[in-house]
């Protein structure tokens, strides 16, 4: 197929904090040297921020470096943390606040801000465009362009106007070749192309398997008398005490709004577990309900989180490109924060790329810049947090984290690895306890479909299914038989259903419901599902998540 072609010095896939930081820093460095480097960012969301979802408590360290005058420039950081609490929830009715000494020092939030990451990304996009960056929302990167020398040379954007059978409709438009001297992949957790590049170039060789969680978030508007702007609440324990590891959060933003969420690690064992339903019942705990009662839910979303940490961090450089941010896995699990680290990885990538362009090299030496940075030191000190909890559970793993960070100040000599991938963790359904979840009450808890409605989701219905099965038989003959087909439960959007066909049960895929969380690509025990991007602009449209 003949395609139009555009060429740039640097191409960036993804307008999240990593990609936008890289774009801004490249233009800043070029201006310092009086160079004119062309930088393009492509974003699959309908607009910058449409697919951005995070808690989010934000550490400003990277922003301070990138834009020291961010306050004068009007960055949307309006709520400084003024109270920091950690709750232990023992069961569905009991719980207590933990004393400060019993909480790892990395979870203290003095000086941080409660923000909407989507709003911050929209602000960063405006700064990038002011520096001369070209940003194109509504364009998916469907595949990498790799030449005969095994060098990444750019991406091809997705074709538009194909029907369900892959045939061209009247409005068909072929994707465009976007070519660049360097391509930076900042697709977020479980990036579609990033996953392929890690496999092709063996970037994760000798690393532990990457680990993930699914993070839920709802935005609520609550009565003014219940609102405590600047309050940060983190929780552990119930409802995940016996079935999974993870934690919860509740952040009081400005405007009588509260962000509430649950994070469920995807190495859980019971195939009957439903992360979505665990989140819904979590909100009924009295220590959480006190903040939400008489409030109104105004938004919902979910997203996979890359949280393997330092031990799972792949080699990020290869000929012609780099993996940055959550596409690589730069989140600091010990802080439960990934925005400042993603931003710094993008800024380091910018320095490496500009150096390579100056020296006419085809591989940017990101590793050198990374190892000389505070990002390396921070991720190294936090290296055992996620893997310790994965290996030893919340109690022993949490105790080790407390020892490492509060007593040893990040200077522990040991290394804790977790070598079992998340998709291999499920027990057989017949050996697992069934879980009966309470019906949603429509006040604090809700069903999947009404939740998906609040994500402002849109997909063109008549297009090829972007959730691709390697085998049509595995969901029924293997996953249903062995694991009661867990896709029905781990998907937070009701995409996967078992329906009765004419002769036997069948897996029905409601692709239009997909909120692009990538959990199916990660947790499917047979690794039979591959998430690919639908037509550009499709998916959720988060206003301020």
Protein backbone atom coordinates (compact mmCIF):
# COMPACT_ATOMS: atom_id res chain seq x y z
CA UNK A 1 0.00 0.00 0.00
CA UNK A 2 1.33 3.41 -0.95
CA UNK A 3 1.42 5.74 2.03
CA UNK A 4 2.20 9.39 2.57
CA UNK A 5 5.40 9.98 4.46
CA UNK A 6 6.48 12.72 6.88
CA UNK A 7 9.99 13.00 8.29
CA UNK A 8 11.22 14.48 11.58
CA UNK A 9 14.35 14.57 13.62
CA UNK A 10 12.56 13.04 16.61
CA UNK A 11 9.20 11.27 16.77
CA UNK A 12 7.49 10.58 20.10
CA UNK A 13 4.65 8.09 20.50
CA UNK A 14 2.36 9.11 23.35
CA UNK A 15 1.49 12.52 24.82
CA UNK A 16 1.76 11.51 28.47
CA UNK A 17 4.18 12.98 31.01
CA UNK A 18 7.20 11.07 29.65
CA UNK A 19 6.60 11.89 25.99
CA UNK A 20 5.76 15.55 26.56
CA UNK A 21 8.75 16.04 28.89
CA UNK A 22 11.03 14.56 26.25
CA UNK A 23 9.57 16.81 23.56
CA UNK A 24 9.94 19.95 25.66
CA UNK A 25 13.48 19.13 26.74
CA UNK A 26 14.65 18.38 23.19
CA UNK A 27 13.42 21.77 22.01
CA UNK A 28 15.00 23.49 25.03
CA UNK A 29 18.38 21.85 24.35
CA UNK A 30 18.14 22.64 20.65
CA UNK A 31 17.39 26.31 21.41
CA UNK A 32 20.42 26.49 23.72
CA UNK A 33 22.60 25.37 20.79
CA UNK A 34 20.67 27.48 18.26
CA UNK A 35 19.63 24.33 16.43
CA UNK A 36 16.32 23.69 14.71
CA UNK A 37 15.23 20.14 15.47
CA UNK A 38 11.82 18.99 14.28
CA UNK A 39 9.88 17.11 16.98
CA UNK A 40 6.52 15.39 16.48
CA UNK A 41 4.26 13.77 19.09
CA UNK A 42 1.44 11.41 18.07
CA UNK A 43 -1.31 10.58 20.58
CA UNK A 44 -4.00 7.91 20.16
CA UNK A 45 -6.52 9.77 22.35
CA UNK A 46 -8.98 12.19 20.78
CA UNK A 47 -7.08 14.98 22.54
CA UNK A 48 -4.10 15.24 24.85
CA UNK A 49 -5.21 13.94 28.25
CA UNK A 50 -8.17 11.93 26.95
CA UNK A 51 -6.53 8.62 27.91
CA UNK A 52 -4.62 9.87 30.95
CA UNK A 53 -5.63 8.38 34.29
CA UNK A 54 -3.72 8.58 37.57
CA UNK A 55 -4.50 9.10 41.28
CA UNK A 56 -2.55 11.44 41.50
CA UNK A 57 -0.24 12.77 44.18
CA UNK A 58 2.54 14.56 42.34
CA UNK A 59 6.14 15.21 43.31
CA UNK A 60 7.39 18.32 41.51
CA UNK A 61 11.10 17.44 41.25
CA UNK A 62 11.14 16.86 37.48
CA UNK A 63 8.78 19.75 36.76
CA UNK A 64 11.07 22.03 38.79
CA UNK A 65 13.94 21.05 36.48
CA UNK A 66 11.97 21.23 33.23
CA UNK A 67 10.11 24.48 33.91
CA UNK A 68 11.52 26.23 37.01
CA UNK A 69 8.91 28.96 36.49
CA UNK A 70 5.96 26.56 36.28
CA UNK A 71 3.98 28.56 38.83
CA UNK A 72 4.27 31.74 36.77
CA UNK A 73 3.32 29.75 33.67
CA UNK A 74 0.09 28.61 35.33
CA UNK A 75 0.72 24.89 35.77
CA UNK A 76 -2.46 23.31 37.22
CA UNK A 77 -1.04 22.44 40.64
CA UNK A 78 -3.65 23.94 42.95
CA UNK A 79 -3.85 21.65 45.96
CA UNK A 80 -0.84 21.12 48.19
CA UNK A 81 -0.94 18.12 50.53
CA UNK A 82 -1.62 19.31 54.08
CA UNK A 83 -2.72 16.06 55.76
CA UNK A 84 -1.32 12.59 55.19
CA UNK A 85 -3.06 9.52 56.65
CA UNK A 86 -2.67 5.78 56.21
CA UNK A 87 -5.53 3.48 57.20
CA UNK A 88 -5.37 -0.22 57.90
CA UNK A 89 -8.74 -1.80 57.17
CA UNK A 90 -9.02 -5.07 59.09
CA UNK A 91 -12.38 -6.17 57.69
CA UNK A 92 -15.52 -4.66 56.16
CA UNK A 93 -16.36 -2.64 59.27
CA UNK A 94 -13.19 -2.21 61.33
CA UNK A 95 -10.01 -0.24 60.75
CA UNK A 96 -7.65 2.28 62.27
CA UNK A 97 -5.15 4.95 61.31
CA UNK A 98 -1.51 3.86 61.41
CA UNK A 99 1.03 6.00 63.27
CA UNK A 100 3.55 7.80 61.09
CA UNK A 101 6.45 5.61 62.26
CA UNK A 102 4.65 2.50 61.00
CA UNK A 103 4.47 3.83 57.43
CA UNK A 104 7.49 3.62 55.08
CA UNK A 105 9.07 7.06 54.80
CA UNK A 106 8.66 6.95 51.01
CA UNK A 107 4.88 7.21 51.48
CA UNK A 108 5.04 10.54 53.30
CA UNK A 109 3.80 13.33 51.05
CA UNK A 110 5.07 16.59 52.53
CA UNK A 111 5.54 19.12 49.73
CA UNK A 112 3.58 17.15 47.14
CA UNK A 113 0.42 18.18 45.27
CA UNK A 114 -2.88 16.48 44.52
CA UNK A 115 -3.49 16.97 40.81
CA UNK A 116 -5.37 15.88 37.72
CA UNK A 117 -2.66 14.33 35.56
CA UNK A 118 -4.82 14.85 32.48
CA UNK A 119 -4.91 18.59 33.19
CA UNK A 120 -1.14 18.67 33.75
CA UNK A 121 -0.56 16.90 30.42
CA UNK A 122 -2.79 19.38 28.59
CA UNK A 123 -0.75 22.21 30.16
CA UNK A 124 2.51 20.51 29.17
CA UNK A 125 1.24 20.08 25.61
CA UNK A 126 0.64 23.83 25.42
CA UNK A 127 4.22 24.45 26.63
CA UNK A 128 5.54 21.98 24.05
CA UNK A 129 3.65 23.63 21.21
CA UNK A 130 4.97 27.00 22.39
CA UNK A 131 8.46 25.57 21.96
CA UNK A 132 7.67 24.44 18.42
CA UNK A 133 6.65 20.80 18.94
CA UNK A 134 4.04 19.40 16.52
CA UNK A 135 1.35 17.37 18.36
CA UNK A 136 -1.16 15.20 16.52
CA UNK A 137 -3.93 13.70 18.71
CA UNK A 138 -6.27 11.11 17.26
CA UNK A 139 -3.50 9.14 15.53
CA UNK A 140 -2.51 5.67 16.65
CA UNK A 141 0.94 4.24 16.09
CA UNK A 142 0.05 0.81 14.74
CA UNK A 143 3.52 -0.59 14.06
CA UNK A 144 7.18 0.33 14.12
CA UNK A 145 9.15 0.82 10.94
CA UNK A 146 12.32 -1.30 11.18
CA UNK A 147 14.87 -1.32 8.34
CA UNK A 148 17.10 -4.08 7.05
CA UNK A 149 19.79 -3.12 9.56
CA UNK A 150 17.36 -3.72 12.46
CA UNK A 151 17.09 -0.02 13.17
CA UNK A 152 13.81 1.60 14.18
CA UNK A 153 13.04 4.38 11.70
CA UNK A 154 9.61 5.56 12.85
CA UNK A 155 6.04 4.25 12.91
CA UNK A 156 3.06 3.72 10.65
CA UNK A 157 -0.17 5.23 11.90
CA UNK A 158 -3.32 3.14 11.87
CA UNK A 159 -5.53 2.85 8.81
CA UNK A 160 -8.88 4.61 9.14
CA UNK A 161 -12.15 3.49 7.59
CA UNK A 162 -11.96 -0.31 7.68
CA UNK A 163 -15.07 -2.36 8.40
CA UNK A 164 -15.36 -5.30 10.80
CA UNK A 165 -13.99 -7.65 8.16
CA UNK A 166 -11.00 -5.45 7.39
CA UNK A 167 -12.46 -4.26 4.08
CA UNK A 168 -12.13 -0.64 2.99
CA UNK A 169 -15.18 1.57 3.52
CA UNK A 170 -15.98 4.68 1.48
CA UNK A 171 -14.11 6.87 3.98
CA UNK A 172 -10.96 4.71 4.02
CA UNK A 173 -7.68 6.54 4.66
CA UNK A 174 -4.41 4.63 4.79
CA UNK A 175 -2.06 5.26 7.67
CA UNK A 176 0.92 7.56 7.24
CA UNK A 177 4.59 6.72 7.54
CA UNK A 178 6.12 8.94 10.19
CA UNK A 179 9.89 8.59 9.90
CA UNK A 180 12.52 9.98 12.25
CA UNK A 181 16.17 9.72 13.14
CA UNK A 182 15.03 8.73 16.63
CA UNK A 183 11.68 7.43 17.84
CA UNK A 184 10.76 7.55 21.52
CA UNK A 185 8.03 5.20 22.72
CA UNK A 186 6.01 6.64 25.60
CA UNK A 187 2.83 4.59 25.24
CA UNK A 188 2.24 4.02 28.95
CA UNK A 189 1.85 0.68 30.74
CA UNK A 190 2.01 -2.40 28.49
CA UNK A 191 2.59 -0.34 25.36
CA UNK A 192 1.52 -2.18 22.22
CA UNK A 193 4.68 -1.44 20.23
CA UNK A 194 6.90 -1.34 23.30
CA UNK A 195 5.94 -4.95 24.06
CA UNK A 196 6.97 -5.96 20.53
CA UNK A 197 10.28 -4.10 20.70
CA UNK A 198 11.18 -5.65 24.06
CA UNK A 199 10.72 -9.09 22.50
CA UNK A 200 12.42 -8.31 19.19
CA UNK A 201 15.55 -6.77 20.70
CA UNK A 202 15.67 -8.99 23.83
CA UNK A 203 15.57 -5.87 25.99
CA UNK A 204 14.37 -7.77 29.07
CA UNK A 205 17.07 -10.46 28.94
CA UNK A 206 18.20 -11.44 32.45
CA UNK A 207 15.54 -9.15 33.96
CA UNK A 208 12.69 -10.36 36.13
CA UNK A 209 9.32 -10.51 34.36
CA UNK A 210 7.50 -7.21 34.39
CA UNK A 211 4.69 -7.02 36.96
CA UNK A 212 1.48 -5.04 36.81
CA UNK A 213 -1.54 -3.92 38.77
CA UNK A 214 -4.91 -2.63 37.69
CA UNK A 215 -5.74 0.77 39.14
CA UNK A 216 -9.30 2.06 39.46
CA UNK A 217 -10.32 5.66 39.91
CA UNK A 218 -13.58 7.45 40.45
CA UNK A 219 -14.03 11.18 40.81
CA UNK A 220 -16.74 12.27 43.26
CA UNK A 221 -18.28 15.60 44.14
CA UNK A 222 -19.07 15.64 47.84
CA UNK A 223 -20.83 18.04 50.27
CA UNK A 224 -18.58 20.93 51.39
CA UNK A 225 -18.82 19.92 55.06
CA UNK A 226 -17.20 16.55 54.25
CA UNK A 227 -14.48 18.01 52.07
CA UNK A 228 -10.94 18.50 53.42
CA UNK A 229 -8.90 19.99 50.59
CA UNK A 230 -5.32 18.71 50.69
CA UNK A 231 -6.09 15.48 52.59
CA UNK A 232 -4.33 12.33 51.33
CA UNK A 233 -5.55 8.94 52.56
CA UNK A 234 -3.85 5.68 51.65
CA UNK A 235 -5.23 2.32 52.74
CA UNK A 236 -4.13 -1.27 53.02
CA UNK A 237 -5.79 -4.46 54.12
CA UNK A 238 -9.46 -5.13 53.38
CA UNK A 239 -10.87 -5.95 50.88
CA UNK A 240 -7.64 -7.51 49.58
CA UNK A 241 -6.50 -9.11 52.83
CA UNK A 242 -6.66 -12.77 51.78
CA UNK A 243 -7.07 -12.68 48.01
CA UNK A 244 -4.57 -10.18 46.58
CA UNK A 245 -1.99 -7.53 47.34
CA UNK A 246 -2.54 -3.87 46.58
CA UNK A 247 -3.92 -0.80 48.29
CA UNK A 248 -6.38 2.04 48.16
CA UNK A 249 -6.37 5.82 48.05
CA UNK A 250 -8.65 8.79 48.58
CA UNK A 251 -7.46 12.29 47.69
CA UNK A 252 -9.28 15.57 48.37
CA UNK A 253 -8.78 17.95 45.44
CA UNK A 254 -10.11 21.47 45.05
CA UNK A 255 -13.74 22.23 44.24
CA UNK A 256 -15.28 19.73 46.71
CA UNK A 257 -13.96 16.86 44.63
CA UNK A 258 -12.49 13.58 45.85
CA UNK A 259 -10.56 10.97 43.87
CA UNK A 260 -11.06 7.46 45.23
CA UNK A 261 -9.51 4.27 43.96
CA UNK A 262 -8.22 0.76 44.50
CA UNK A 263 -5.05 -0.82 43.12
CA UNK A 264 -5.06 -4.61 42.72
CA UNK A 265 -1.82 -6.40 41.87
CA UNK A 266 -2.32 -8.70 38.89
CA UNK A 267 -0.44 -11.62 40.41
CA UNK A 268 -3.55 -12.63 42.35
CA UNK A 269 -4.29 -16.37 42.45
CA UNK A 270 -8.05 -16.81 42.67
CA UNK A 271 -9.64 -16.80 39.18
CA UNK A 272 -13.01 -15.95 40.76
CA UNK A 273 -11.69 -12.58 41.98
CA UNK A 274 -13.14 -9.49 40.30
CA UNK A 275 -10.97 -6.38 40.84
CA UNK A 276 -13.88 -4.15 39.75
CA UNK A 277 -16.22 -5.63 42.35
CA UNK A 278 -13.55 -5.45 45.04
CA UNK A 279 -13.33 -1.72 44.33
CA UNK A 280 -17.09 -1.25 44.49
CA UNK A 281 -17.45 -2.96 47.86
CA UNK A 282 -14.39 -1.14 49.22
CA UNK A 283 -16.33 2.13 49.12
CA UNK A 284 -18.80 0.76 51.67
CA UNK A 285 -16.20 0.57 54.42
CA UNK A 286 -17.21 3.09 57.13
CA UNK A 287 -13.79 4.80 57.04
CA UNK A 288 -14.25 5.45 53.30
CA UNK A 289 -18.01 5.95 53.23
CA UNK A 290 -17.67 8.88 55.66
CA UNK A 291 -16.07 10.89 52.86
CA UNK A 292 -18.38 9.79 50.02
CA UNK A 293 -21.86 9.73 51.59
CA UNK A 294 -24.35 12.15 50.02
CA UNK A 295 -21.86 12.69 47.20
CA UNK A 296 -22.19 12.13 43.46
CA UNK A 297 -19.91 10.04 41.26
CA UNK A 298 -18.94 12.05 38.18
CA UNK A 299 -16.24 10.00 36.44
CA UNK A 300 -14.82 6.46 36.28
CA UNK A 301 -11.78 4.82 34.73
CA UNK A 302 -9.23 2.05 35.08
CA UNK A 303 -5.69 1.49 33.81
CA UNK A 304 -2.92 -1.04 34.13
CA UNK A 305 0.09 0.10 36.16
CA UNK A 306 3.64 -1.06 35.42
CA UNK A 307 5.13 -1.78 38.83
CA UNK A 308 7.89 -4.38 38.56
CA UNK A 309 10.42 -1.73 39.47
CA UNK A 310 14.18 -1.68 39.04
CA UNK A 311 14.59 -5.47 38.73
CA UNK A 312 12.13 -5.56 35.81
CA UNK A 313 13.35 -2.43 34.03
CA UNK A 314 14.37 -3.47 30.48
CA UNK A 315 17.25 -2.06 28.50
CA UNK A 316 15.65 1.12 27.20
CA UNK A 317 17.86 1.89 24.20
CA UNK A 318 18.15 0.27 20.78
CA UNK A 319 19.16 1.41 17.33
CA UNK A 320 16.95 4.34 16.37
CA UNK A 321 14.88 4.57 19.51
CA UNK A 322 14.16 4.44 23.23
CA UNK A 323 11.48 3.19 25.62
CA UNK A 324 10.58 5.78 28.25
CA UNK A 325 8.20 6.20 31.17
CA UNK A 326 5.74 3.44 31.94
CA UNK A 327 6.41 1.84 28.55
CA UNK A 328 9.64 0.74 30.24
CA UNK A 329 8.39 0.69 33.84
CA UNK A 330 9.93 3.65 35.66
CA UNK A 331 7.27 3.91 38.38
CA UNK A 332 8.61 4.09 41.94
CA UNK A 333 6.43 1.56 43.76
CA UNK A 334 7.77 2.57 47.16
CA UNK A 335 6.32 6.06 46.66
CA UNK A 336 3.26 4.91 44.68
CA UNK A 337 4.28 7.57 42.17
CA UNK A 338 5.27 7.38 38.54
CA UNK A 339 4.75 10.83 37.06
CA UNK A 340 7.95 12.52 38.23
CA UNK A 341 9.99 9.44 37.29
CA UNK A 342 8.33 9.19 33.86
CA UNK A 343 9.06 12.85 33.26
CA UNK A 344 12.69 12.45 34.26
CA UNK A 345 13.11 9.43 31.99
CA UNK A 346 11.81 11.55 29.11
CA UNK A 347 14.19 14.38 29.97
CA UNK A 348 17.15 11.98 30.13
CA UNK A 349 16.07 10.52 26.79
CA UNK A 350 16.08 14.03 25.34
CA UNK A 351 19.65 14.59 26.50
CA UNK A 352 20.76 11.23 25.08
CA UNK A 353 19.05 11.83 21.74
CA UNK A 354 20.43 15.34 21.31
CA UNK A 355 23.92 14.05 22.09
CA UNK A 356 23.52 11.24 19.53
CA UNK A 357 22.25 13.65 16.87
CA UNK A 358 25.24 15.92 17.47
CA UNK A 359 27.60 12.96 17.11
CA UNK A 360 25.68 11.41 14.20
CA UNK A 361 25.19 8.16 16.12
CA UNK A 362 22.32 5.75 15.49
CA UNK A 363 21.93 4.64 19.12
CA UNK A 364 21.31 7.16 21.89
CA UNK A 365 23.27 6.28 25.03
CA UNK A 366 20.38 6.57 27.47
CA UNK A 367 22.04 4.14 29.86
CA UNK A 368 24.90 6.57 30.55
CA UNK A 369 22.58 9.47 31.34
CA UNK A 370 20.31 7.25 33.43
CA UNK A 371 23.10 5.88 35.61
CA UNK A 372 24.37 9.39 36.35
CA UNK A 373 20.93 10.65 37.41
CA UNK A 374 18.86 10.84 40.58
CA UNK A 375 16.30 8.67 38.80
CA UNK A 376 18.66 5.69 38.83
CA UNK A 377 19.41 6.22 42.52
CA UNK A 378 15.73 6.56 43.42
CA UNK A 379 14.63 3.45 41.52
CA UNK A 380 17.56 1.44 42.86
CA UNK A 381 16.72 2.33 46.45
CA UNK A 382 13.11 1.25 45.84
CA UNK A 383 14.12 -1.92 43.97
CA UNK A 384 12.75 -4.41 46.52
CA UNK A 385 9.43 -2.76 47.37
CA UNK A 386 7.13 -4.29 44.76
CA UNK A 387 9.04 -7.56 44.40
CA UNK A 388 9.12 -8.02 48.19
CA UNK A 389 5.34 -7.68 48.47
CA UNK A 390 4.84 -9.95 45.44
CA UNK A 391 7.13 -12.61 46.90
CA UNK A 392 6.18 -12.47 50.57
CA UNK A 393 2.76 -10.81 50.71
CA UNK A 394 1.59 -7.59 52.30
CA UNK A 395 2.63 -8.31 55.90
CA UNK A 396 6.17 -9.65 55.52
CA UNK A 397 6.81 -7.64 52.35
CA UNK A 398 5.53 -4.50 54.08
CA UNK A 399 7.74 -5.16 57.11
CA UNK A 400 10.78 -5.50 54.84
CA UNK A 401 9.87 -2.19 53.15
CA UNK A 402 9.60 -0.51 56.55
CA UNK A 403 13.04 -1.85 57.51
CA UNK A 404 14.64 -0.85 54.20
CA UNK A 405 13.30 2.70 54.04
CA UNK A 406 12.83 3.79 57.65
CA UNK A 407 15.81 2.05 59.26
CA UNK A 408 18.34 1.36 56.50
CA UNK A 409 17.40 4.48 54.50
CA UNK A 410 17.38 2.63 51.17
CA UNK A 411 20.84 1.09 51.67
CA UNK A 412 19.85 -2.56 52.11
CA UNK A 413 22.36 -5.01 50.65
CA UNK A 414 19.87 -7.64 49.53
CA UNK A 415 18.00 -8.02 46.25
CA UNK A 416 14.52 -9.55 46.14
CA UNK A 417 13.42 -10.95 42.79
CA UNK A 418 10.02 -12.21 41.70
CA UNK A 419 10.43 -14.45 38.66
CA UNK A 420 6.85 -15.61 38.14
CA UNK A 421 4.87 -13.63 35.52
CA UNK A 422 1.46 -12.37 36.56
CA UNK A 423 -0.39 -14.51 33.99
CA UNK A 424 1.03 -17.71 35.51
CA UNK A 425 -0.24 -17.04 39.02
CA UNK A 426 -3.84 -18.31 38.75
CA UNK A 427 -4.91 -21.46 40.56
CA UNK A 428 -7.44 -23.80 39.02
CA UNK A 429 -11.04 -22.71 39.55
CA UNK A 430 -11.92 -26.01 41.21
CA UNK A 431 -9.22 -25.40 43.83
CA UNK A 432 -10.30 -21.80 44.52
CA UNK A 433 -13.01 -20.33 46.68
CA UNK A 434 -15.88 -18.75 44.78
CA UNK A 435 -16.50 -15.13 45.75
CA UNK A 436 -20.03 -13.82 46.04
CA UNK A 437 -20.06 -10.06 45.63
CA UNK A 438 -22.89 -7.89 46.94
CA UNK A 439 -25.14 -6.29 44.36
CA UNK A 440 -24.36 -2.61 43.75
CA UNK A 441 -26.68 -0.22 45.51
CA UNK A 442 -26.46 2.58 42.94
CA UNK A 443 -25.41 4.99 45.69
CA UNK A 444 -21.84 4.03 46.62
CA UNK A 445 -21.38 0.99 44.38
CA UNK A 446 -22.28 0.56 40.73
CA UNK A 447 -22.28 -1.95 37.88
CA UNK A 448 -19.77 -2.10 35.04
CA UNK A 449 -21.93 -0.66 32.28
CA UNK A 450 -23.03 2.44 34.19
CA UNK A 451 -19.38 2.95 35.13
CA UNK A 452 -18.16 2.63 31.55
CA UNK A 453 -20.75 5.23 30.55
CA UNK A 454 -18.99 7.74 32.82
CA UNK A 455 -15.70 7.20 31.00
CA UNK A 456 -17.21 9.01 27.97
CA UNK A 457 -16.18 6.12 25.78
CA UNK A 458 -16.50 6.13 22.01
CA UNK A 459 -15.44 3.63 19.37
CA UNK A 460 -16.46 3.40 15.75
CA UNK A 461 -18.61 0.25 15.86
CA UNK A 462 -17.90 -0.93 12.32
CA UNK A 463 -14.14 -1.56 12.54
CA UNK A 464 -11.94 -4.63 13.03
CA UNK A 465 -11.90 -5.92 16.60
CA UNK A 466 -8.80 -4.53 18.28
CA UNK A 467 -8.74 -7.34 20.87
CA UNK A 468 -7.16 -10.17 18.92
CA UNK A 469 -7.25 -13.83 19.89
CA UNK A 470 -4.43 -16.11 18.79
CA UNK A 471 -6.93 -18.99 19.06
CA UNK A 472 -10.70 -18.84 19.12
CA UNK A 473 -10.82 -22.21 20.92
CA UNK A 474 -8.66 -21.42 23.96
CA UNK A 475 -11.21 -19.25 25.85
CA UNK A 476 -13.73 -22.11 25.97
CA UNK A 477 -11.65 -25.27 25.79
CA UNK A 478 -8.93 -24.09 28.15
CA UNK A 479 -9.71 -20.91 30.09
CA UNK A 480 -13.35 -21.72 30.81
CA UNK A 481 -12.59 -25.31 31.71
CA UNK A 482 -9.61 -24.59 33.95
CA UNK A 483 -10.15 -21.05 35.26
CA UNK A 484 -13.89 -20.34 34.77
CA UNK A 485 -12.76 -17.85 32.07
CA UNK A 486 -11.39 -15.06 34.28
CA UNK A 487 -11.64 -12.46 31.51
CA UNK A 488 -15.27 -12.05 32.56
CA UNK A 489 -14.03 -10.75 35.91
CA UNK A 490 -10.62 -9.12 35.45
CA UNK A 491 -11.89 -6.82 32.70
CA UNK A 492 -13.22 -3.62 34.34
CA UNK A 493 -15.48 -2.72 31.44
CA UNK A 494 -17.59 -5.77 30.61
CA UNK A 495 -15.75 -6.44 27.36
CA UNK A 496 -15.65 -10.24 27.75
CA UNK A 497 -18.77 -12.35 28.26
CA UNK A 498 -19.49 -16.07 28.10
CA UNK A 499 -22.75 -16.56 26.22
CA UNK A 500 -24.55 -19.74 25.24
CA UNK A 501 -24.13 -20.52 21.57
CA UNK A 502 -26.15 -22.97 19.50
CA UNK A 503 -24.03 -25.93 20.58
CA UNK A 504 -21.71 -24.74 23.36
CA UNK A 505 -20.68 -21.65 25.33
CA UNK A 506 -18.90 -18.94 23.35
CA UNK A 507 -16.74 -15.95 24.25
CA UNK A 508 -18.39 -12.70 23.20
CA UNK A 509 -16.11 -9.66 22.89
CA UNK A 510 -17.83 -6.29 23.34
CA UNK A 511 -14.89 -4.31 21.97
CA UNK A 512 -16.78 -1.01 22.00
CA UNK A 513 -16.73 -1.11 25.82
CA UNK A 514 -12.93 -1.21 26.02
CA UNK A 515 -11.37 1.56 28.15
CA UNK A 516 -7.83 0.65 27.05
CA UNK A 517 -6.64 -0.59 30.45
CA UNK A 518 -4.62 -3.48 28.87
CA UNK A 519 -5.45 -5.88 31.73
CA UNK A 520 -6.56 -8.62 29.32
CA UNK A 521 -3.22 -8.49 27.50
CA UNK A 522 -1.46 -8.95 30.85
CA UNK A 523 -3.59 -11.36 32.92
CA UNK A 524 -4.95 -13.84 30.36
CA UNK A 525 -3.51 -17.16 31.63
CA UNK A 526 -2.96 -18.45 28.09
CA UNK A 527 -1.56 -15.16 26.77
CA UNK A 528 -4.10 -15.59 23.99
CA UNK A 529 -5.30 -11.96 23.91
CA UNK A 530 -3.31 -9.19 22.26
CA UNK A 531 -4.49 -5.62 22.73
CA UNK A 532 -3.98 -3.48 19.63
CA UNK A 533 -5.02 0.15 19.13
CA UNK A 534 -8.43 0.75 17.55
CA UNK A 535 -9.01 3.65 15.18
CA UNK A 536 -7.35 6.84 16.37
CA UNK A 537 -9.41 8.88 18.79
CA UNK A 538 -11.33 5.84 20.04
CA UNK A 539 -11.57 4.85 23.68
CA UNK A 540 -12.31 6.84 26.82
CA UNK A 541 -12.41 10.61 26.96
CA UNK A 542 -11.40 11.47 30.50
CA UNK A 543 -12.00 15.18 31.18
CA UNK A 544 -9.77 15.63 34.24
CA UNK A 545 -8.58 12.25 35.51
